[in-house]
Full PDB file with SEQRES, HELIX, SHEET, SSBOND, CRYST1, ORIGX, SCALE, CONECT and MASTER records, all heavy atoms in Angstrom:
SEQRES   1 A   39  LEU PRO VAL SER VAL ASP LEU LEU LEU ALA GLY GLU LEU          
SEQRES   2 A   39  SER GLY ASN ALA ARG TRP LEU HIS ALA LEU PHE SER SER          
SEQRES   3 A   39  VAL ARG ASN GLU ASP GLY ASP LEU LEU VAL GLU CYS ILE          
SHEET    1 AA1 3 VAL A   3  LEU A   8  0                                        
SHEET    2 AA1 3 TRP A  19  ARG A  28 -1                                        
SHEET    3 AA1 3 LEU A  34  CYS A  38 -1                                        
CRYST1    1.000    1.000    1.000  90.00  90.00  90.00 P 1           1          
ORIGX1      1.000000  0.000000  0.000000        0.00000                         
ORIGX2      0.000000  1.000000  0.000000        0.00000                         
ORIGX3      0.000000  0.000000  1.000000        0.00000                         
SCALE1      1.000000  0.000000  0.000000        0.00000                         
SCALE2      0.000000  1.000000  0.000000        0.00000                         
SCALE3      0.000000  0.000000  1.000000        0.00000                         
ATOM      1  N   LEU A   1       0.861  -1.215   0.009  1.00  0.00           N  
ATOM      2  CA  LEU A   1       0.056  -0.005  -0.005  1.00  0.00           C  
ATOM      3  C   LEU A   1       0.868   1.226   0.008  1.00  0.00           C  
ATOM      4  O   LEU A   1       1.951   1.275   0.676  1.00  0.00           O  
ATOM      5  CB  LEU A   1      -0.916   0.047   1.255  1.00  0.00           C  
ATOM      6  CG  LEU A   1      -1.998  -1.042   1.366  1.00  0.00           C  
ATOM      7  CD1 LEU A   1      -2.661  -0.979   2.685  1.00  0.00           C  
ATOM      8  CD2 LEU A   1      -3.000  -0.898   0.187  1.00  0.00           C  
ATOM      9  N   PRO A   2       0.511   2.277  -0.779  1.00  0.00           N  
ATOM     10  CA  PRO A   2       1.321   3.546  -0.722  1.00  0.00           C  
ATOM     11  C   PRO A   2       1.311   4.163   0.677  1.00  0.00           C  
ATOM     12  O   PRO A   2       0.380   4.103   1.395  1.00  0.00           O  
ATOM     13  CB  PRO A   2       0.558   4.413  -1.742  1.00  0.00           C  
ATOM     14  CG  PRO A   2      -0.258   3.487  -2.572  1.00  0.00           C  
ATOM     15  CD  PRO A   2      -0.624   2.362  -1.665  1.00  0.00           C  
ATOM     16  N   VAL A   3       2.507   4.729   0.938  1.00  0.00           N  
ATOM     17  CA  VAL A   3       2.675   5.435   2.221  1.00  0.00           C  
ATOM     18  C   VAL A   3       3.059   6.910   1.965  1.00  0.00           C  
ATOM     19  O   VAL A   3       4.001   7.109   1.199  1.00  0.00           O  
ATOM     20  CB  VAL A   3       3.744   4.725   3.105  1.00  0.00           C  
ATOM     21  CG1 VAL A   3       3.959   5.491   4.394  1.00  0.00           C  
ATOM     22  CG2 VAL A   3       3.373   3.263   3.404  1.00  0.00           C  
ATOM     23  N   SER A   4       2.327   7.790   2.547  1.00  0.00           N  
ATOM     24  CA  SER A   4       2.606   9.216   2.342  1.00  0.00           C  
ATOM     25  C   SER A   4       2.927   9.858   3.699  1.00  0.00           C  
ATOM     26  O   SER A   4       2.176   9.697   4.693  1.00  0.00           O  
ATOM     27  CB  SER A   4       1.367   9.935   1.746  1.00  0.00           C  
ATOM     28  OG  SER A   4       1.628  11.290   1.542  1.00  0.00           O  
ATOM     29  N   VAL A   5       4.090  10.560   3.784  1.00  0.00           N  
ATOM     30  CA  VAL A   5       4.509  11.086   5.075  1.00  0.00           C  
ATOM     31  C   VAL A   5       5.483  12.234   4.854  1.00  0.00           C  
ATOM     32  O   VAL A   5       6.152  12.278   3.796  1.00  0.00           O  
ATOM     33  CB  VAL A   5       5.226   9.936   5.881  1.00  0.00           C  
ATOM     34  CG1 VAL A   5       6.459   9.490   5.191  1.00  0.00           C  
ATOM     35  CG2 VAL A   5       5.501  10.408   7.296  1.00  0.00           C  
ATOM     36  N   ASP A   6       5.566  13.124   5.847  1.00  0.00           N  
ATOM     37  CA  ASP A   6       6.527  14.201   5.814  1.00  0.00           C  
ATOM     38  C   ASP A   6       7.728  13.771   6.678  1.00  0.00           C  
ATOM     39  O   ASP A   6       7.553  13.355   7.811  1.00  0.00           O  
ATOM     40  CB  ASP A   6       5.918  15.530   6.381  1.00  0.00           C  
ATOM     41  CG  ASP A   6       4.856  16.058   5.476  1.00  0.00           C  
ATOM     42  OD1 ASP A   6       4.778  15.691   4.308  1.00  0.00           O  
ATOM     43  OD2 ASP A   6       4.044  16.858   5.967  1.00  0.00           O  
ATOM     44  N   LEU A   7       8.979  13.927   6.087  1.00  0.00           N  
ATOM     45  CA  LEU A   7      10.140  13.516   6.802  1.00  0.00           C  
ATOM     46  C   LEU A   7      11.145  14.617   6.843  1.00  0.00           C  
ATOM     47  O   LEU A   7      11.291  15.444   5.937  1.00  0.00           O  
ATOM     48  CB  LEU A   7      10.762  12.314   6.050  1.00  0.00           C  
ATOM     49  CG  LEU A   7       9.943  11.024   5.975  1.00  0.00           C  
ATOM     50  CD1 LEU A   7      10.544  10.032   5.035  1.00  0.00           C  
ATOM     51  CD2 LEU A   7       9.713  10.438   7.334  1.00  0.00           C  
ATOM     52  N   LEU A   8      11.895  14.646   7.943  1.00  0.00           N  
ATOM     53  CA  LEU A   8      12.939  15.668   8.218  1.00  0.00           C  
ATOM     54  C   LEU A   8      14.286  15.122   7.724  1.00  0.00           C  
ATOM     55  O   LEU A   8      14.728  14.020   8.068  1.00  0.00           O  
ATOM     56  CB  LEU A   8      13.017  16.032   9.654  1.00  0.00           C  
ATOM     57  CG  LEU A   8      14.060  17.025  10.092  1.00  0.00           C  
ATOM     58  CD1 LEU A   8      13.829  18.373   9.447  1.00  0.00           C  
ATOM     59  CD2 LEU A   8      14.137  17.144  11.622  1.00  0.00           C  
ATOM     60  N   LEU A   9      14.997  15.940   6.929  1.00  0.00           N  
ATOM     61  CA  LEU A   9      16.296  15.523   6.409  1.00  0.00           C  
ATOM     62  C   LEU A   9      17.311  15.610   7.545  1.00  0.00           C  
ATOM     63  O   LEU A   9      17.200  16.454   8.441  1.00  0.00           O  
ATOM     64  CB  LEU A   9      16.717  16.410   5.277  1.00  0.00           C  
ATOM     65  CG  LEU A   9      16.131  16.071   3.886  1.00  0.00           C  
ATOM     66  CD1 LEU A   9      16.552  17.081   2.922  1.00  0.00           C  
ATOM     67  CD2 LEU A   9      16.485  14.665   3.459  1.00  0.00           C  
ATOM     68  N   ALA A  10      18.341  14.832   7.540  1.00  0.00           N  
ATOM     69  CA  ALA A  10      19.394  14.858   8.536  1.00  0.00           C  
ATOM     70  C   ALA A  10      20.625  15.709   8.104  1.00  0.00           C  
ATOM     71  O   ALA A  10      20.785  15.886   6.886  1.00  0.00           O  
ATOM     72  CB  ALA A  10      19.829  13.414   8.812  1.00  0.00           C  
ATOM     73  N   GLY A  11      21.366  16.126   9.086  1.00  0.00           N  
ATOM     74  CA  GLY A  11      22.677  16.752   8.796  1.00  0.00           C  
ATOM     75  C   GLY A  11      22.623  18.093   8.137  1.00  0.00           C  
ATOM     76  O   GLY A  11      23.361  18.406   7.253  1.00  0.00           O  
ATOM     77  N   GLU A  12      21.667  18.972   8.542  1.00  0.00           N  
ATOM     78  CA  GLU A  12      21.576  20.294   7.980  1.00  0.00           C  
ATOM     79  C   GLU A  12      22.722  21.149   8.466  1.00  0.00           C  
ATOM     80  O   GLU A  12      22.947  21.320   9.683  1.00  0.00           O  
ATOM     81  CB  GLU A  12      20.239  20.908   8.304  1.00  0.00           C  
ATOM     82  CG  GLU A  12      19.037  20.209   7.791  1.00  0.00           C  
ATOM     83  CD  GLU A  12      19.056  20.212   6.286  1.00  0.00           C  
ATOM     84  OE1 GLU A  12      19.565  21.178   5.687  1.00  0.00           O  
ATOM     85  OE2 GLU A  12      18.481  19.271   5.669  1.00  0.00           O  
ATOM     86  N   LEU A  13      23.420  21.809   7.526  1.00  0.00           N  
ATOM     87  CA  LEU A  13      24.524  22.697   7.885  1.00  0.00           C  
ATOM     88  C   LEU A  13      24.028  24.058   8.367  1.00  0.00           C  
ATOM     89  O   LEU A  13      24.572  24.643   9.284  1.00  0.00           O  
ATOM     90  CB  LEU A  13      25.439  22.903   6.673  1.00  0.00           C  
ATOM     91  CG  LEU A  13      26.373  21.702   6.328  1.00  0.00           C  
ATOM     92  CD1 LEU A  13      27.226  22.049   5.102  1.00  0.00           C  
ATOM     93  CD2 LEU A  13      27.327  21.404   7.558  1.00  0.00           C  
ATOM     94  N   SER A  14      22.967  24.539   7.706  1.00  0.00           N  
ATOM     95  CA  SER A  14      22.509  25.906   7.997  1.00  0.00           C  
ATOM     96  C   SER A  14      21.741  26.012   9.229  1.00  0.00           C  
ATOM     97  O   SER A  14      21.511  27.072   9.765  1.00  0.00           O  
ATOM     98  CB  SER A  14      21.690  26.406   6.784  1.00  0.00           C  
ATOM     99  OG  SER A  14      20.532  25.534   6.652  1.00  0.00           O  
ATOM    100  N   GLY A  15      21.314  24.907   9.770  1.00  0.00           N  
ATOM    101  CA  GLY A  15      20.489  24.935  11.013  1.00  0.00           C  
ATOM    102  C   GLY A  15      19.034  25.119  10.709  1.00  0.00           C  
ATOM    103  O   GLY A  15      18.179  24.968  11.599  1.00  0.00           O  
ATOM    104  N   ASN A  16      18.662  25.358   9.440  1.00  0.00           N  
ATOM    105  CA  ASN A  16      17.219  25.459   9.063  1.00  0.00           C  
ATOM    106  C   ASN A  16      16.752  24.064   8.660  1.00  0.00           C  
ATOM    107  O   ASN A  16      17.313  23.420   7.786  1.00  0.00           O  
ATOM    108  CB  ASN A  16      17.040  26.449   7.922  1.00  0.00           C  
ATOM    109  CG  ASN A  16      17.411  27.884   8.328  1.00  0.00           C  
ATOM    110  OD1 ASN A  16      17.179  28.253   9.467  1.00  0.00           O  
ATOM    111  ND2 ASN A  16      17.963  28.613   7.405  1.00  0.00           N  
ATOM    112  N   ALA A  17      15.740  23.585   9.317  1.00  0.00           N  
ATOM    113  CA  ALA A  17      15.217  22.279   9.045  1.00  0.00           C  
ATOM    114  C   ALA A  17      14.643  22.207   7.609  1.00  0.00           C  
ATOM    115  O   ALA A  17      13.982  23.139   7.147  1.00  0.00           O  
ATOM    116  CB  ALA A  17      14.112  21.933  10.066  1.00  0.00           C  
ATOM    117  N   ARG A  18      14.933  21.131   6.979  1.00  0.00           N  
ATOM    118  CA  ARG A  18      14.386  20.904   5.599  1.00  0.00           C  
ATOM    119  C   ARG A  18      13.566  19.623   5.653  1.00  0.00           C  
ATOM    120  O   ARG A  18      13.986  18.557   6.082  1.00  0.00           O  
ATOM    121  CB  ARG A  18      15.549  20.739   4.567  1.00  0.00           C  
ATOM    122  CG  ARG A  18      16.342  22.045   4.369  1.00  0.00           C  
ATOM    123  CD  ARG A  18      17.327  21.861   3.285  1.00  0.00           C  
ATOM    124  NE  ARG A  18      16.703  21.521   2.011  1.00  0.00           N  
ATOM    125  CZ  ARG A  18      17.041  20.492   1.247  1.00  0.00           C  
ATOM    126  NH1 ARG A  18      18.044  19.743   1.594  1.00  0.00           N  
ATOM    127  NH2 ARG A  18      16.471  20.237   0.100  1.00  0.00           N  
ATOM    128  N   TRP A  19      12.314  19.828   5.175  1.00  0.00           N  
ATOM    129  CA  TRP A  19      11.356  18.737   5.203  1.00  0.00           C  
ATOM    130  C   TRP A  19      11.067  18.278   3.773  1.00  0.00           C  
ATOM    131  O   TRP A  19      11.039  19.080   2.834  1.00  0.00           O  
ATOM    132  CB  TRP A  19      10.048  19.176   5.835  1.00  0.00           C  
ATOM    133  CG  TRP A  19      10.178  19.419   7.312  1.00  0.00           C  
ATOM    134  CD1 TRP A  19      10.655  20.523   7.947  1.00  0.00           C  
ATOM    135  CD2 TRP A  19       9.822  18.510   8.348  1.00  0.00           C  
ATOM    136  NE1 TRP A  19      10.604  20.333   9.297  1.00  0.00           N  
ATOM    137  CE2 TRP A  19      10.079  19.084   9.573  1.00  0.00           C  
ATOM    138  CE3 TRP A  19       9.305  17.139   8.338  1.00  0.00           C  
ATOM    139  CZ2 TRP A  19       9.848  18.433  10.806  1.00  0.00           C  
ATOM    140  CZ3 TRP A  19       9.059  16.562   9.541  1.00  0.00           C  
ATOM    141  CH2 TRP A  19       9.336  17.189  10.728  1.00  0.00           C  
ATOM    142  N   LEU A  20      10.821  17.009   3.637  1.00  0.00           N  
ATOM    143  CA  LEU A  20      10.412  16.369   2.370  1.00  0.00           C  
ATOM    144  C   LEU A  20       9.101  15.661   2.545  1.00  0.00           C  
ATOM    145  O   LEU A  20       8.900  14.976   3.565  1.00  0.00           O  
ATOM    146  CB  LEU A  20      11.469  15.419   1.863  1.00  0.00           C  
ATOM    147  CG  LEU A  20      12.871  15.945   1.555  1.00  0.00           C  
ATOM    148  CD1 LEU A  20      13.722  14.792   1.044  1.00  0.00           C  
ATOM    149  CD2 LEU A  20      12.822  17.076   0.567  1.00  0.00           C  
ATOM    150  N   HIS A  21       8.205  15.892   1.576  1.00  0.00           N  
ATOM    151  CA  HIS A  21       6.997  15.046   1.538  1.00  0.00           C  
ATOM    152  C   HIS A  21       7.374  13.785   0.725  1.00  0.00           C  
ATOM    153  O   HIS A  21       7.798  13.934  -0.463  1.00  0.00           O  
ATOM    154  CB  HIS A  21       5.846  15.753   0.932  1.00  0.00           C  
ATOM    155  CG  HIS A  21       4.615  14.926   0.877  1.00  0.00           C  
ATOM    156  ND1 HIS A  21       3.851  14.696   1.986  1.00  0.00           N  
ATOM    157  CD2 HIS A  21       3.951  14.323  -0.185  1.00  0.00           C  
ATOM    158  CE1 HIS A  21       2.825  13.858   1.641  1.00  0.00           C  
ATOM    159  NE2 HIS A  21       2.918  13.663   0.327  1.00  0.00           N  
ATOM    160  N   ALA A  22       7.192  12.614   1.271  1.00  0.00           N  
ATOM    161  CA  ALA A  22       7.616  11.374   0.620  1.00  0.00           C  
ATOM    162  C   ALA A  22       6.392  10.503   0.374  1.00  0.00           C  
ATOM    163  O   ALA A  22       5.490  10.390   1.224  1.00  0.00           O  
ATOM    164  CB  ALA A  22       8.633  10.598   1.514  1.00  0.00           C  
ATOM    165  N   LEU A  23       6.399   9.928  -0.819  1.00  0.00           N  
ATOM    166  CA  LEU A  23       5.392   8.896  -1.207  1.00  0.00           C  
ATOM    167  C   LEU A  23       6.136   7.607  -1.526  1.00  0.00           C  
ATOM    168  O   LEU A  23       6.898   7.537  -2.470  1.00  0.00           O  
ATOM    169  CB  LEU A  23       4.573   9.380  -2.355  1.00  0.00           C  
ATOM    170  CG  LEU A  23       3.561   8.428  -2.927  1.00  0.00           C  
ATOM    171  CD1 LEU A  23       2.514   8.098  -1.879  1.00  0.00           C  
ATOM    172  CD2 LEU A  23       2.899   8.975  -4.192  1.00  0.00           C  
ATOM    173  N   PHE A  24       5.883   6.585  -0.721  1.00  0.00           N  
ATOM    174  CA  PHE A  24       6.506   5.282  -0.914  1.00  0.00           C  
ATOM    175  C   PHE A  24       5.427   4.312  -1.447  1.00  0.00           C  
ATOM    176  O   PHE A  24       4.340   4.207  -0.896  1.00  0.00           O  
ATOM    177  CB  PHE A  24       7.069   4.750   0.412  1.00  0.00           C  
ATOM    178  CG  PHE A  24       8.091   5.609   1.045  1.00  0.00           C  
ATOM    179  CD1 PHE A  24       8.195   5.693   2.430  1.00  0.00           C  
ATOM    180  CD2 PHE A  24       8.956   6.400   0.280  1.00  0.00           C  
ATOM    181  CE1 PHE A  24       9.140   6.443   3.067  1.00  0.00           C  
ATOM    182  CE2 PHE A  24       9.895   7.159   0.849  1.00  0.00           C  
ATOM    183  CZ  PHE A  24      10.020   7.216   2.241  1.00  0.00           C  
ATOM    184  N   SER A  25       5.828   3.600  -2.517  1.00  0.00           N  
ATOM    185  CA  SER A  25       4.924   2.574  -3.052  1.00  0.00           C  
ATOM    186  C   SER A  25       5.788   1.406  -3.571  1.00  0.00           C  
ATOM    187  O   SER A  25       6.886   1.599  -4.121  1.00  0.00           O  
ATOM    188  CB  SER A  25       4.001   3.106  -4.180  1.00  0.00           C  
ATOM    189  OG  SER A  25       4.846   3.705  -5.173  1.00  0.00           O  
ATOM    190  N   SER A  26       5.265   0.207  -3.426  1.00  0.00           N  
ATOM    191  CA  SER A  26       6.035  -1.000  -3.819  1.00  0.00           C  
ATOM    192  C   SER A  26       5.904  -1.296  -5.342  1.00  0.00           C  
ATOM    193  O   SER A  26       4.875  -1.030  -5.892  1.00  0.00           O  
ATOM    194  CB  SER A  26       5.534  -2.209  -3.056  1.00  0.00           C  
ATOM    195  OG  SER A  26       4.178  -2.471  -3.324  1.00  0.00           O  
ATOM    196  N   VAL A  27       6.953  -1.713  -5.952  1.00  0.00           N  
ATOM    197  CA  VAL A  27       7.029  -2.097  -7.354  1.00  0.00           C  
ATOM    198  C   VAL A  27       7.838  -3.374  -7.465  1.00  0.00           C  
ATOM    199  O   VAL A  27       8.591  -3.698  -6.577  1.00  0.00           O  
ATOM    200  CB  VAL A  27       7.587  -0.981  -8.278  1.00  0.00           C  
ATOM    201  CG1 VAL A  27       6.720   0.285  -8.238  1.00  0.00           C  
ATOM    202  CG2 VAL A  27       9.032  -0.612  -7.794  1.00  0.00           C  
ATOM    203  N   ARG A  28       7.671  -4.075  -8.578  1.00  0.00           N  
ATOM    204  CA  ARG A  28       8.479  -5.258  -8.894  1.00  0.00           C  
ATOM    205  C   ARG A  28       9.374  -4.977 -10.024  1.00  0.00           C  
ATOM    206  O   ARG A  28       8.994  -4.395 -11.061  1.00  0.00           O  
ATOM    207  CB  ARG A  28       7.587  -6.445  -9.171  1.00  0.00           C  
ATOM    208  CG  ARG A  28       6.850  -7.002  -7.973  1.00  0.00           C  
ATOM    209  CD  ARG A  28       6.169  -8.339  -8.263  1.00  0.00           C  
ATOM    210  NE  ARG A  28       5.404  -8.826  -7.131  1.00  0.00           N  
ATOM    211  CZ  ARG A  28       5.937  -9.579  -6.209  1.00  0.00           C  
ATOM    212  NH1 ARG A  28       7.248  -9.975  -6.307  1.00  0.00           N  
ATOM    213  NH2 ARG A  28       5.227  -9.993  -5.192  1.00  0.00           N  
ATOM    214  N   ASN A  29      10.622  -5.421  -9.960  1.00  0.00           N  
ATOM    215  CA  ASN A  29      11.563  -5.307 -11.090  1.00  0.00           C  
ATOM    216  C   ASN A  29      11.366  -6.442 -12.003  1.00  0.00           C  
ATOM    217  O   ASN A  29      10.502  -7.347 -11.821  1.00  0.00           O  
ATOM    218  CB  ASN A  29      13.003  -5.189 -10.541  1.00  0.00           C  
ATOM    219  CG  ASN A  29      13.433  -6.442  -9.817  1.00  0.00           C  
ATOM    220  OD1 ASN A  29      12.754  -7.483  -9.784  1.00  0.00           O  
ATOM    221  ND2 ASN A  29      14.600  -6.377  -9.169  1.00  0.00           N  
ATOM    222  N   GLU A  30      12.248  -6.534 -13.049  1.00  0.00           N  
ATOM    223  CA  GLU A  30      12.069  -7.600 -14.089  1.00  0.00           C  
ATOM    224  C   GLU A  30      12.309  -8.988 -13.518  1.00  0.00           C  
ATOM    225  O   GLU A  30      11.907  -9.962 -14.097  1.00  0.00           O  
ATOM    226  CB  GLU A  30      13.041  -7.288 -15.215  1.00  0.00           C  
ATOM    227  CG  GLU A  30      14.524  -7.213 -14.870  1.00  0.00           C  
ATOM    228  CD  GLU A  30      14.914  -5.827 -14.391  1.00  0.00           C  
ATOM    229  OE1 GLU A  30      14.062  -5.014 -14.152  1.00  0.00           O  
ATOM    230  OE2 GLU A  30      16.118  -5.637 -14.226  1.00  0.00           O  
ATOM    231  N   ASP A  31      13.015  -9.084 -12.365  1.00  0.00           N  
ATOM    232  CA  ASP A  31      13.253 -10.375 -11.761  1.00  0.00           C  
ATOM    233  C   ASP A  31      12.217 -10.759 -10.741  1.00  0.00           C  
ATOM    234  O   ASP A  31      12.269 -11.829 -10.150  1.00  0.00           O  
ATOM    235  CB  ASP A  31      14.622 -10.380 -11.042  1.00  0.00           C  
ATOM    236  CG  ASP A  31      15.757 -10.145 -12.021  1.00  0.00           C  
ATOM    237  OD1 ASP A  31      15.681 -10.662 -13.122  1.00  0.00           O  
ATOM    238  OD2 ASP A  31      16.768  -9.503 -11.607  1.00  0.00           O  
ATOM    239  N   GLY A  32      11.183  -9.900 -10.558  1.00  0.00           N  
ATOM    240  CA  GLY A  32      10.107 -10.184  -9.623  1.00  0.00           C  
ATOM    241  C   GLY A  32      10.415  -9.757  -8.179  1.00  0.00           C  
ATOM    242  O   GLY A  32       9.584 -10.064  -7.296  1.00  0.00           O  
ATOM    243  N   ASP A  33      11.551  -9.110  -7.962  1.00  0.00           N  
ATOM    244  CA  ASP A  33      11.848  -8.658  -6.573  1.00  0.00           C  
ATOM    245  C   ASP A  33      11.073  -7.420  -6.235  1.00  0.00           C  
ATOM    246  O   ASP A  33      10.903  -6.493  -7.076  1.00  0.00           O  
ATOM    247  CB  ASP A  33      13.349  -8.381  -6.462  1.00  0.00           C  
ATOM    248  CG  ASP A  33      14.175  -9.619  -6.766  1.00  0.00           C  
ATOM    249  OD1 ASP A  33      13.746 -10.736  -6.418  1.00  0.00           O  
ATOM    250  OD2 ASP A  33      15.281  -9.481  -7.349  1.00  0.00           O  
ATOM    251  N   LEU A  34      10.610  -7.312  -4.998  1.00  0.00           N  
ATOM    252  CA  LEU A  34       9.837  -6.115  -4.553  1.00  0.00           C  
ATOM    253  C   LEU A  34      10.801  -4.997  -4.188  1.00  0.00           C  
ATOM    254  O   LEU A  34      11.764  -5.227  -3.416  1.00  0.00           O  
ATOM    255  CB  LEU A  34       8.982  -6.490  -3.357  1.00  0.00           C  
ATOM    256  CG  LEU A  34       7.616  -7.109  -3.707  1.00  0.00           C  
ATOM    257  CD1 LEU A  34       6.937  -7.571  -2.408  1.00  0.00           C  
ATOM    258  CD2 LEU A  34       6.761  -6.099  -4.352  1.00  0.00           C  
ATOM    259  N   LEU A  35      10.597  -3.878  -4.731  1.00  0.00           N  
ATOM    260  CA  LEU A  35      11.320  -2.645  -4.378  1.00  0.00           C  
ATOM    261  C   LEU A  35      10.359  -1.541  -3.998  1.00  0.00           C  
ATOM    262  O   LEU A  35       9.180  -1.695  -4.048  1.00  0.00           O  
ATOM    263  CB  LEU A  35      12.205  -2.187  -5.648  1.00  0.00           C  
ATOM    264  CG  LEU A  35      13.125  -3.210  -6.264  1.00  0.00           C  
ATOM    265  CD1 LEU A  35      13.778  -2.651  -7.496  1.00  0.00           C  
ATOM    266  CD2 LEU A  35      14.180  -3.630  -5.262  1.00  0.00           C  
ATOM    267  N   VAL A  36      10.931  -0.417  -3.569  1.00  0.00           N  
ATOM    268  CA  VAL A  36      10.077   0.730  -3.159  1.00  0.00           C  
ATOM    269  C   VAL A  36      10.417   1.892  -4.101  1.00  0.00           C  
ATOM    270  O   VAL A  36      11.596   2.276  -4.189  1.00  0.00           O  
ATOM    271  CB  VAL A  36      10.319   1.137  -1.662  1.00  0.00           C  
ATOM    272  CG1 VAL A  36       9.446   2.307  -1.299  1.00  0.00           C  
ATOM    273  CG2 VAL A  36       9.971  -0.059  -0.739  1.00  0.00           C  
ATOM    274  N   GLU A  37       9.398   2.383  -4.704  1.00  0.00           N  
ATOM    275  CA  GLU A  37       9.508   3.648  -5.471  1.00  0.00           C  
ATOM    276  C   GLU A  37       9.278   4.852  -4.558  1.00  0.00           C  
ATOM    277  O   GLU A  37       8.240   4.889  -3.887  1.00  0.00           O  
ATOM    278  CB  GLU A  37       8.566   3.668  -6.634  1.00  0.00           C  
ATOM    279  CG  GLU A  37       8.603   4.916  -7.511  1.00  0.00           C  
ATOM    280  CD  GLU A  37       7.515   5.046  -8.494  1.00  0.00           C  
ATOM    281  OE1 GLU A  37       6.335   4.843  -8.093  1.00  0.00           O  
ATOM    282  OE2 GLU A  37       7.809   5.300  -9.676  1.00  0.00           O  
ATOM    283  N   CYS A  38      10.286   5.704  -4.478  1.00  0.00           N  
ATOM    284  CA  CYS A  38      10.196   6.894  -3.580  1.00  0.00           C  
ATOM    285  C   CYS A  38      10.138   8.139  -4.432  1.00  0.00           C  
ATOM    286  O   CYS A  38      10.981   8.415  -5.271  1.00  0.00           O  
ATOM    287  CB  CYS A  38      11.429   6.946  -2.676  1.00  0.00           C  
ATOM    288  SG  CYS A  38      11.720   5.425  -1.748  1.00  0.00           S  
ATOM    289  N   ILE A  39       9.053   8.904  -4.153  1.00  0.00           N  
ATOM    290  CA  ILE A  39       8.855  10.183  -4.832  1.00  0.00           C  
ATOM    291  C   ILE A  39       8.916  11.272  -3.745  1.00  0.00           C  
ATOM    292  O   ILE A  39       8.138  11.230  -2.772  1.00  0.00           O  
ATOM    293  CB  ILE A  39       7.523  10.242  -5.581  1.00  0.00           C  
ATOM    294  CG1 ILE A  39       7.495   9.102  -6.634  1.00  0.00           C  
ATOM    295  CG2 ILE A  39       7.332  11.624  -6.230  1.00  0.00           C  
ATOM    296  CD1 ILE A  39       6.205   9.104  -7.406  1.00  0.00           C  
TER     297      ILE A  39                                                      
MASTER        0    0    0    0    3    0    0    6  296    1    0    3          
END                                                                             
């Protein structure tokens, strides 16, 4: 199932927090292995 969440990036030099909205969904490659597509 797709997962949608806001995540905080690590290791900011400037001290200003940087946030990313992430959408995770599972996909299969040509070998049939499950991977995660991250947008």
